[in-house]
Amino acid sequence: MRLSKVLFMGLGLLLATRCAQAQAPAEKPGGLVAKNVDSGRRMFANAGCGACHGTQGQGTSLAPPIAPPPLEVGALIAYTRQPTGKMPAVPVATASDQDLTDIYAFLMSVAPPSSAAQELKGNAENGKKLFLAYGCYECHGLQGAGAAIAPRIGPPALSLAGVLRYVRAPTGQMPPYTAKVVSDQDLADIYSFLKTFPPPLPARSIPLLNP
């Protein structure tokens, strides 16, 4: 199976729902600037997150690790409200957007102190060349906006660390890819290229979708 057909297919399927959900969060994530780690720690425990993800977000047999968070804060909030798989939705009455922002800060505080992703500096120009060379555009479009056979992956909703983890150990039908096939630096460059594109407009801003 060609790398161009599968490298980002699984990742794209994971991101498709999240990108759509992130278009209309309950509160504007950019307005949530407070990062109260102590509050996040309490909320993480009170909301029962640790029962599945571990008390430090390290993961268990029931759920994957989430420290550091694989999503950026806005996408994390949207996914928590309308998750996929076995995770139940968390309503605002249980945890507000601010609570989730604090949980995000807590998870960042307990994350491993160093990560290969933190050391990588992506090159968007080289990422564009790699995106074409690997044939990613054949399924996802020249700007990662998606097509009939594959969903949107640009801009990525996952953090770079999340992308690296997913590509190396994906779920669903996507096979894993080792660094010998696609290096971390190549993925960082592709990630930087996809990050140059703006997020899709929210549905409420498109007149034809709001009669």
C-alpha atoms as a PDB file:
ATOM      1  CA  MET A   1       0.000   0.000   0.000  1.00  0.00           C
ATOM      2  CA  ARG A   2       1.409   3.360  -0.968  1.00  0.00           C
ATOM      3  CA  LEU A   3       2.592   5.647   1.783  1.00  0.00           C
ATOM      4  CA  SER A   4       0.626   8.465   0.152  1.00  0.00           C
ATOM      5  CA  LYS A   5      -2.611   6.556   0.662  1.00  0.00           C
ATOM      6  CA  VAL A   6      -2.185   5.673   4.306  1.00  0.00           C
ATOM      7  CA  LEU A   7       0.344   7.922   6.031  1.00  0.00           C
ATOM      8  CA  PHE A   8      -2.208  10.526   7.026  1.00  0.00           C
ATOM      9  CA  MET A   9      -5.421   8.583   6.407  1.00  0.00           C
ATOM     10  CA  GLY A  10      -5.767   7.369   9.987  1.00  0.00           C
ATOM     11  CA  LEU A  11      -4.688  10.718  11.377  1.00  0.00           C
ATOM     12  CA  GLY A  12      -7.123  12.459   9.067  1.00  0.00           C
ATOM     13  CA  LEU A  13     -10.015  10.306  10.240  1.00  0.00           C
ATOM     14  CA  LEU A  14      -9.141  11.150  13.825  1.00  0.00           C
ATOM     15  CA  LEU A  15      -8.972  14.875  13.091  1.00  0.00           C
ATOM     16  CA  ALA A  16     -12.028  15.204  10.863  1.00  0.00           C
ATOM     17  CA  THR A  17     -14.568  15.185  13.659  1.00  0.00           C
ATOM     18  CA  ARG A  18     -12.384  17.259  15.952  1.00  0.00           C
ATOM     19  CA  CYS A  19     -11.774  20.003  13.400  1.00  0.00           C
ATOM     20  CA  ALA A  20     -15.507  20.263  12.741  1.00  0.00           C
ATOM     21  CA  GLN A  21     -16.297  20.330  16.449  1.00  0.00           C
ATOM     22  CA  ALA A  22     -13.673  22.987  17.106  1.00  0.00           C
ATOM     23  CA  GLN A  23     -15.499  25.425  14.841  1.00  0.00           C
ATOM     24  CA  ALA A  24     -18.108  26.219  17.484  1.00  0.00           C
ATOM     25  CA  PRO A  25     -16.820  25.776  21.042  1.00  0.00           C
ATOM     26  CA  ALA A  26     -19.070  26.693  23.955  1.00  0.00           C
ATOM     27  CA  GLU A  27     -16.759  29.567  24.827  1.00  0.00           C
ATOM     28  CA  LYS A  28     -14.106  31.277  22.773  1.00  0.00           C
ATOM     29  CA  PRO A  29     -10.882  29.426  23.701  1.00  0.00           C
ATOM     30  CA  GLY A  30      -8.793  32.513  23.021  1.00  0.00           C
ATOM     31  CA  GLY A  31     -10.616  34.251  25.864  1.00  0.00           C
ATOM     32  CA  LEU A  32      -9.575  31.619  28.400  1.00  0.00           C
ATOM     33  CA  VAL A  33      -6.216  32.912  29.501  1.00  0.00           C
ATOM     34  CA  ALA A  34      -6.024  31.793  33.135  1.00  0.00           C
ATOM     35  CA  LYS A  35      -3.922  28.693  33.762  1.00  0.00           C
ATOM     36  CA  ASN A  36      -4.630  27.552  37.297  1.00  0.00           C
ATOM     37  CA  VAL A  37      -2.756  24.280  37.731  1.00  0.00           C
ATOM     38  CA  ASP A  38      -4.081  23.650  41.252  1.00  0.00           C
ATOM     39  CA  SER A  39      -7.664  24.176  40.125  1.00  0.00           C
ATOM     40  CA  GLY A  40      -7.038  21.895  37.169  1.00  0.00           C
ATOM     41  CA  ARG A  41      -5.672  19.179  39.440  1.00  0.00           C
ATOM     42  CA  ARG A  42      -8.769  19.315  41.642  1.00  0.00           C
ATOM     43  CA  MET A  43     -11.145  19.347  38.690  1.00  0.00           C
ATOM     44  CA  PHE A  44      -9.314  16.434  37.035  1.00  0.00           C
ATOM     45  CA  ALA A  45      -9.899  14.383  40.200  1.00  0.00           C
ATOM     46  CA  ASN A  46     -13.461  15.589  40.891  1.00  0.00           C
ATOM     47  CA  ALA A  47     -14.633  14.977  37.324  1.00  0.00           C
ATOM     48  CA  GLY A  48     -13.328  11.414  37.485  1.00  0.00           C
ATOM     49  CA  CYS A  49     -10.819  11.833  34.638  1.00  0.00           C
ATOM     50  CA  GLY A  50      -8.188   9.901  36.565  1.00  0.00           C
ATOM     51  CA  ALA A  51     -10.349   6.788  36.752  1.00  0.00           C
ATOM     52  CA  CYS A  52      -9.660   6.102  33.077  1.00  0.00           C
ATOM     53  CA  HIS A  53      -6.596   8.194  32.259  1.00  0.00           C
ATOM     54  CA  GLY A  54      -4.642   7.764  35.498  1.00  0.00           C
ATOM     55  CA  THR A  55      -4.179  10.277  38.297  1.00  0.00           C
ATOM     56  CA  GLN A  56      -1.382  12.007  36.369  1.00  0.00           C
ATOM     57  CA  GLY A  57      -2.886  11.515  32.920  1.00  0.00           C
ATOM     58  CA  GLN A  58      -0.363   8.745  32.295  1.00  0.00           C
ATOM     59  CA  GLY A  59      -2.954   6.387  30.802  1.00  0.00           C
ATOM     60  CA  THR A  60      -4.343   3.026  31.921  1.00  0.00           C
ATOM     61  CA  SER A  61      -5.721  -0.111  30.322  1.00  0.00           C
ATOM     62  CA  LEU A  62      -9.007   1.771  29.921  1.00  0.00           C
ATOM     63  CA  ALA A  63      -7.796   4.939  28.208  1.00  0.00           C
ATOM     64  CA  PRO A  64      -4.657   6.388  26.589  1.00  0.00           C
ATOM     65  CA  PRO A  65      -2.187   8.839  28.131  1.00  0.00           C
ATOM     66  CA  ILE A  66      -3.182  12.496  27.851  1.00  0.00           C
ATOM     67  CA  ALA A  67      -0.185  14.196  29.499  1.00  0.00           C
ATOM     68  CA  PRO A  68       0.960  16.145  27.635  1.00  0.00           C
ATOM     69  CA  PRO A  69      -2.436  16.790  25.995  1.00  0.00           C
ATOM     70  CA  PRO A  70      -2.473  15.517  22.389  1.00  0.00           C
ATOM     71  CA  LEU A  71      -4.811  18.376  21.391  1.00  0.00           C
ATOM     72  CA  GLU A  72      -4.493  22.130  21.610  1.00  0.00           C
ATOM     73  CA  VAL A  73      -6.772  23.612  24.246  1.00  0.00           C
ATOM     74  CA  GLY A  74      -9.576  24.735  21.911  1.00  0.00           C
ATOM     75  CA  ALA A  75      -9.758  21.352  20.199  1.00  0.00           C
ATOM     76  CA  LEU A  76      -9.560  19.600  23.576  1.00  0.00           C
ATOM     77  CA  ILE A  77     -12.586  21.533  24.819  1.00  0.00           C
ATOM     78  CA  ALA A  78     -14.557  20.732  21.659  1.00  0.00           C
ATOM     79  CA  TYR A  79     -13.642  17.039  21.799  1.00  0.00           C
ATOM     80  CA  THR A  80     -14.563  16.776  25.474  1.00  0.00           C
ATOM     81  CA  ARG A  81     -18.034  18.114  24.685  1.00  0.00           C
ATOM     82  CA  GLN A  82     -18.607  15.733  21.775  1.00  0.00           C
ATOM     83  CA  PRO A  83     -16.121  12.858  22.004  1.00  0.00           C
ATOM     84  CA  THR A  84     -15.887   9.776  19.831  1.00  0.00           C
ATOM     85  CA  GLY A  85     -15.408   6.183  20.937  1.00  0.00           C
ATOM     86  CA  LYS A  86     -16.275   5.113  24.476  1.00  0.00           C
ATOM     87  CA  MET A  87     -15.593   8.399  26.244  1.00  0.00           C
ATOM     88  CA  PRO A  88     -18.790  10.029  27.575  1.00  0.00           C
ATOM     89  CA  ALA A  89     -19.461  13.677  26.823  1.00  0.00           C
ATOM     90  CA  VAL A  90     -18.618  16.136  29.596  1.00  0.00           C
ATOM     91  CA  PRO A  91     -21.313  18.856  29.844  1.00  0.00           C
ATOM     92  CA  VAL A  92     -20.641  22.433  30.888  1.00  0.00           C
ATOM     93  CA  ALA A  93     -22.534  21.731  34.104  1.00  0.00           C
ATOM     94  CA  THR A  94     -19.813  19.243  35.067  1.00  0.00           C
ATOM     95  CA  ALA A  95     -16.789  21.211  33.837  1.00  0.00           C
ATOM     96  CA  SER A  96     -16.850  24.679  32.282  1.00  0.00           C
ATOM     97  CA  ASP A  97     -14.550  25.687  29.452  1.00  0.00           C
ATOM     98  CA  GLN A  98     -12.424  27.468  32.054  1.00  0.00           C
ATOM     99  CA  ASP A  99     -12.282  24.269  34.123  1.00  0.00           C
ATOM    100  CA  LEU A 100     -11.088  22.371  31.059  1.00  0.00           C
ATOM    101  CA  THR A 101      -8.485  25.054  30.393  1.00  0.00           C
ATOM    102  CA  ASP A 102      -7.199  24.581  33.937  1.00  0.00           C
ATOM    103  CA  ILE A 103      -7.159  20.797  33.462  1.00  0.00           C
ATOM    104  CA  TYR A 104      -5.124  21.372  30.318  1.00  0.00           C
ATOM    105  CA  ALA A 105      -2.640  23.417  32.347  1.00  0.00           C
ATOM    106  CA  PHE A 106      -2.465  20.666  34.981  1.00  0.00           C
ATOM    107  CA  LEU A 107      -1.772  18.007  32.354  1.00  0.00           C
ATOM    108  CA  MET A 108       0.969  20.161  30.880  1.00  0.00           C
ATOM    109  CA  SER A 109       2.504  20.570  34.340  1.00  0.00           C
ATOM    110  CA  VAL A 110       2.761  16.812  34.950  1.00  0.00           C
ATOM    111  CA  ALA A 111       3.938  15.953  31.439  1.00  0.00           C
ATOM    112  CA  PRO A 112       7.436  14.503  30.990  1.00  0.00           C
ATOM    113  CA  PRO A 113       9.988  17.345  31.251  1.00  0.00           C
ATOM    114  CA  SER A 114      11.471  16.742  27.839  1.00  0.00           C
ATOM    115  CA  SER A 115      10.141  15.494  24.535  1.00  0.00           C
ATOM    116  CA  ALA A 116      11.645  14.970  21.126  1.00  0.00           C
ATOM    117  CA  ALA A 117       8.839  17.091  19.701  1.00  0.00           C
ATOM    118  CA  GLN A 118       9.828  20.052  21.865  1.00  0.00           C
ATOM    119  CA  GLU A 119      13.282  20.091  20.279  1.00  0.00           C
ATOM    120  CA  LEU A 120      12.060  19.968  16.683  1.00  0.00           C
ATOM    121  CA  LYS A 121      11.804  23.112  14.595  1.00  0.00           C
ATOM    122  CA  GLY A 122       9.656  22.575  11.530  1.00  0.00           C
ATOM    123  CA  ASN A 123      10.424  24.050   8.140  1.00  0.00           C
ATOM    124  CA  ALA A 124       7.189  24.882   6.328  1.00  0.00           C
ATOM    125  CA  GLU A 125       8.845  25.214   2.917  1.00  0.00           C
ATOM    126  CA  ASN A 126      10.424  21.778   3.192  1.00  0.00           C
ATOM    127  CA  GLY A 127       7.167  20.472   4.630  1.00  0.00           C
ATOM    128  CA  LYS A 128       5.369  21.588   1.482  1.00  0.00           C
ATOM    129  CA  LYS A 129       7.856  19.646  -0.642  1.00  0.00           C
ATOM    130  CA  LEU A 130       7.488  16.554   1.549  1.00  0.00           C
ATOM    131  CA  PHE A 131       3.707  16.825   1.493  1.00  0.00           C
ATOM    132  CA  LEU A 132       3.922  16.602  -2.301  1.00  0.00           C
ATOM    133  CA  ALA A 133       6.722  14.048  -2.392  1.00  0.00           C
ATOM    134  CA  TYR A 134       4.890  11.617  -0.111  1.00  0.00           C
ATOM    135  CA  GLY A 135       1.709  12.139  -2.123  1.00  0.00           C
ATOM    136  CA  CYS A 136      -0.344  13.300   0.880  1.00  0.00           C
ATOM    137  CA  TYR A 137      -2.153  15.770  -1.388  1.00  0.00           C
ATOM    138  CA  GLU A 138      -3.626  12.931  -3.442  1.00  0.00           C
ATOM    139  CA  CYS A 139      -6.082  12.164  -0.636  1.00  0.00           C
ATOM    140  CA  HIS A 140      -6.115  15.338   1.436  1.00  0.00           C
ATOM    141  CA  GLY A 141      -5.790  18.100  -1.146  1.00  0.00           C
ATOM    142  CA  LEU A 142      -2.913  20.467  -1.789  1.00  0.00           C
ATOM    143  CA  GLN A 143      -3.578  22.399   1.424  1.00  0.00           C
ATOM    144  CA  GLY A 144      -4.729  19.516   3.590  1.00  0.00           C
ATOM    145  CA  ALA A 145      -8.307  20.763   3.311  1.00  0.00           C
ATOM    146  CA  GLY A 146      -9.648  17.298   2.609  1.00  0.00           C
ATOM    147  CA  ALA A 147     -11.285  15.705  -0.418  1.00  0.00           C
ATOM    148  CA  ALA A 148     -13.939  13.135  -1.250  1.00  0.00           C
ATOM    149  CA  ILE A 149     -11.731  10.273  -0.097  1.00  0.00           C
ATOM    150  CA  ALA A 150     -10.070  11.818   2.961  1.00  0.00           C
ATOM    151  CA  PRO A 151     -10.855  14.471   5.593  1.00  0.00           C
ATOM    152  CA  ARG A 152      -9.216  17.764   6.458  1.00  0.00           C
ATOM    153  CA  ILE A 153      -5.859  17.665   8.219  1.00  0.00           C
ATOM    154  CA  GLY A 154      -4.831  21.303   7.811  1.00  0.00           C
ATOM    155  CA  PRO A 155      -4.353  23.014  10.093  1.00  0.00           C
ATOM    156  CA  PRO A 156      -3.746  20.089  12.481  1.00  0.00           C
ATOM    157  CA  ALA A 157      -5.844  20.023  15.643  1.00  0.00           C
ATOM    158  CA  LEU A 158      -3.271  17.773  17.293  1.00  0.00           C
ATOM    159  CA  SER A 159      -0.071  19.076  18.826  1.00  0.00           C
ATOM    160  CA  LEU A 160       3.149  18.010  17.122  1.00  0.00           C
ATOM    161  CA  ALA A 161       3.782  15.574  19.969  1.00  0.00           C
ATOM    162  CA  GLY A 162       0.318  14.133  19.379  1.00  0.00           C
ATOM    163  CA  VAL A 163       0.995  13.759  15.650  1.00  0.00           C
ATOM    164  CA  LEU A 164       4.267  11.950  16.317  1.00  0.00           C
ATOM    165  CA  ARG A 165       2.638   9.587  18.806  1.00  0.00           C
ATOM    166  CA  TYR A 166      -0.275   8.850  16.508  1.00  0.00           C
ATOM    167  CA  VAL A 167       1.798   8.181  13.393  1.00  0.00           C
ATOM    168  CA  ARG A 168       4.103   5.826  15.322  1.00  0.00           C
ATOM    169  CA  ALA A 169       1.276   3.953  17.079  1.00  0.00           C
ATOM    170  CA  PRO A 170      -2.001   4.721  15.312  1.00  0.00           C
ATOM    171  CA  THR A 171      -5.456   3.310  15.908  1.00  0.00           C
ATOM    172  CA  GLY A 172      -8.002   2.147  13.374  1.00  0.00           C
ATOM    173  CA  GLN A 173      -6.837   0.971   9.956  1.00  0.00           C
ATOM    174  CA  MET A 174      -3.722   3.093   9.672  1.00  0.00           C
ATOM    175  CA  PRO A 175      -0.512   1.051  10.016  1.00  0.00           C
ATOM    176  CA  PRO A 176       2.325   2.347  12.199  1.00  0.00           C
ATOM    177  CA  TYR A 177       5.266   4.148  10.601  1.00  0.00           C
ATOM    178  CA  THR A 178       8.703   4.062  12.163  1.00  0.00           C
ATOM    179  CA  ALA A 179      11.248   6.840  11.988  1.00  0.00           C
ATOM    180  CA  LYS A 180      13.051   4.827   9.302  1.00  0.00           C
ATOM    181  CA  VAL A 181      10.081   5.392   6.988  1.00  0.00           C
ATOM    182  CA  VAL A 182       9.207   8.957   7.965  1.00  0.00           C
ATOM    183  CA  SER A 183      11.510  10.786  10.344  1.00  0.00           C
ATOM    184  CA  ASP A 184      10.347  12.979  13.204  1.00  0.00           C
ATOM    185  CA  GLN A 185      11.887  15.947  11.411  1.00  0.00           C
ATOM    186  CA  ASP A 186       9.957  15.198   8.225  1.00  0.00           C
ATOM    187  CA  LEU A 187       6.726  15.076  10.226  1.00  0.00           C
ATOM    188  CA  ALA A 188       7.647  18.320  11.986  1.00  0.00           C
ATOM    189  CA  ASP A 189       8.183  19.988   8.607  1.00  0.00           C
ATOM    190  CA  ILE A 190       4.874  18.690   7.242  1.00  0.00           C
ATOM    191  CA  TYR A 191       3.181  19.810  10.456  1.00  0.00           C
ATOM    192  CA  SER A 192       4.629  23.328  10.042  1.00  0.00           C
ATOM    193  CA  PHE A 193       3.396  23.458   6.453  1.00  0.00           C
ATOM    194  CA  LEU A 194      -0.142  22.442   7.438  1.00  0.00           C
ATOM    195  CA  LYS A 195      -0.073  24.994  10.255  1.00  0.00           C
ATOM    196  CA  THR A 196       0.332  27.815   7.719  1.00  0.00           C
ATOM    197  CA  PHE A 197      -3.298  27.436   6.662  1.00  0.00           C
ATOM    198  CA  PRO A 198      -6.150  29.048   8.612  1.00  0.00           C
ATOM    199  CA  PRO A 199      -8.820  26.922  10.296  1.00  0.00           C
ATOM    200  CA  PRO A 200     -12.122  26.461   8.452  1.00  0.00           C
ATOM    201  CA  LEU A 201     -14.774  29.103   8.948  1.00  0.00           C
ATOM    202  CA  PRO A 202     -17.457  28.217  11.513  1.00  0.00           C
ATOM    203  CA  ALA A 203     -20.690  27.033   9.958  1.00  0.00           C
ATOM    204  CA  ARG A 204     -22.607  29.924  11.537  1.00  0.00           C
ATOM    205  CA  SER A 205     -20.568  32.411   9.479  1.00  0.00           C
ATOM    206  CA  ILE A 206     -21.657  30.903   6.128  1.00  0.00           C
ATOM    207  CA  PRO A 207     -25.028  32.418   5.031  1.00  0.00           C
ATOM    208  CA  LEU A 208     -26.031  29.440   2.887  1.00  0.00           C
ATOM    209  CA  LEU A 209     -25.784  27.155   5.891  1.00  0.00           C
ATOM    210  CA  ASN A 210     -27.909  29.457   8.048  1.00  0.00           C
ATOM    211  CA  PRO A 211     -31.210  30.086   6.241  1.00  0.00           C
END
